[in-house]
Protein backbone atom coordinates (compact mmCIF):
# COMPACT_ATOMS: atom_id res chain seq x y z
CA UNK A 1 -50.09 -46.66 7.84
CA UNK A 2 -50.09 -43.79 5.33
CA UNK A 3 -53.84 -44.15 4.89
CA UNK A 4 -54.30 -44.21 8.65
CA UNK A 5 -52.42 -40.96 9.14
CA UNK A 6 -54.00 -39.31 6.11
CA UNK A 7 -57.46 -40.05 7.52
CA UNK A 8 -56.58 -39.03 11.09
CA UNK A 9 -58.91 -36.32 12.32
CA UNK A 10 -57.39 -35.60 15.70
CA UNK A 11 -59.42 -38.21 17.57
CA UNK A 12 -57.17 -41.19 16.84
CA UNK A 13 -54.76 -42.41 19.48
CA UNK A 14 -51.38 -44.05 19.57
CA UNK A 15 -53.24 -47.26 20.42
CA UNK A 16 -55.23 -46.92 17.17
CA UNK A 17 -51.99 -46.49 15.24
CA UNK A 18 -50.48 -49.55 16.91
CA UNK A 19 -53.57 -51.63 16.06
CA UNK A 20 -53.38 -50.60 12.37
CA UNK A 21 -49.66 -51.30 12.31
CA UNK A 22 -50.19 -54.84 13.61
CA UNK A 23 -53.01 -55.40 11.12
CA UNK A 24 -50.96 -54.25 8.12
CA UNK A 25 -47.32 -55.08 8.86
CA UNK A 26 -47.33 -58.47 7.09
CA UNK A 27 -48.76 -57.15 3.83
CA UNK A 28 -45.40 -56.62 2.16
CA UNK A 29 -44.26 -53.53 0.28
CA UNK A 30 -46.78 -51.44 -1.62
CA UNK A 31 -46.44 -50.92 -5.35
CA UNK A 32 -44.44 -47.77 -6.09
CA UNK A 33 -46.31 -45.27 -8.29
CA UNK A 34 -45.30 -44.73 -11.91
CA UNK A 35 -44.04 -41.22 -11.25
CA UNK A 36 -41.36 -42.61 -8.93
CA UNK A 37 -39.31 -44.45 -11.52
CA UNK A 38 -36.01 -44.10 -9.63
CA UNK A 39 -37.62 -45.57 -6.50
CA UNK A 40 -39.02 -48.54 -8.45
CA UNK A 41 -35.67 -49.06 -10.16
CA UNK A 42 -33.80 -48.87 -6.83
CA UNK A 43 -36.10 -51.38 -5.12
CA UNK A 44 -35.81 -53.82 -8.01
CA UNK A 45 -32.04 -53.32 -8.31
CA UNK A 46 -31.47 -54.07 -4.63
CA UNK A 47 -33.61 -57.21 -4.91
CA UNK A 48 -31.35 -58.38 -7.74
CA UNK A 49 -28.10 -57.13 -6.12
CA UNK A 50 -28.43 -57.34 -2.32
CA UNK A 51 -24.73 -56.62 -1.77
CA UNK A 52 -24.45 -53.91 -4.40
CA UNK A 53 -23.01 -50.51 -3.64
CA UNK A 54 -24.59 -47.12 -4.20
CA UNK A 55 -22.02 -46.42 -6.91
CA UNK A 56 -23.04 -49.60 -8.77
CA UNK A 57 -26.69 -48.66 -8.41
CA UNK A 58 -26.10 -45.20 -9.83
CA UNK A 59 -24.11 -46.58 -12.78
CA UNK A 60 -26.92 -49.04 -13.51
CA UNK A 61 -29.48 -46.23 -13.21
CA UNK A 62 -27.49 -44.06 -15.64
CA UNK A 63 -27.29 -46.94 -18.13
CA UNK A 64 -31.00 -47.58 -17.75
CA UNK A 65 -31.88 -43.91 -18.25
CA UNK A 66 -29.55 -43.65 -21.27
CA UNK A 67 -31.48 -46.45 -22.98
CA UNK A 68 -34.42 -45.22 -25.12
CA UNK A 69 -37.77 -45.97 -23.50
CA UNK A 70 -38.99 -48.09 -26.39
CA UNK A 71 -35.90 -50.30 -26.02
CA UNK A 72 -35.66 -50.54 -22.24
CA UNK A 73 -39.30 -51.48 -21.67
CA UNK A 74 -40.50 -52.01 -18.14
CA UNK A 75 -38.06 -52.09 -15.26
CA UNK A 76 -38.67 -55.75 -14.48
CA UNK A 77 -37.81 -56.78 -18.04
CA UNK A 78 -34.72 -54.59 -18.42
CA UNK A 79 -33.04 -54.12 -15.09
CA UNK A 80 -31.57 -57.60 -14.86
CA UNK A 81 -29.35 -57.02 -17.90
CA UNK A 82 -28.04 -53.57 -16.95
CA UNK A 83 -28.48 -53.75 -13.23
CA UNK A 84 -25.03 -55.01 -12.37
CA UNK A 85 -23.50 -51.58 -12.85
CA UNK A 86 -20.53 -52.99 -14.71
CA UNK A 87 -20.33 -50.13 -17.17
CA UNK A 88 -16.75 -49.02 -16.56
CA UNK A 89 -17.04 -46.16 -19.07
CA UNK A 90 -19.49 -44.28 -16.80
C-alpha cells in the first residue's frame, strides 16, 4: 500500500486502493529497514513474547543496547536470550 500511495498522481481512486489492498494483504509483513533497529527488535520480541508487557520489552531493549555490537550480533541470534526482560537490576 505504501508504494501505491507513493506513486499516486491524483488520478487514482478509492477503488484502485481497495484493489491493491486485496492483492497485497496476504503477503505478510515487510522486512523492516536496518535504520529502524528498535522496530525490528520490537517485532521480533513480540513474536517471542506474545504476552509480554511494554516494561519487559523496554528492559530487554536496554539489555540488548547495552551489549556491544560485536557480541550481540543480529537481532534474530541474540534476542531470544535477552528478550525475556528479566533483568531486575534495570
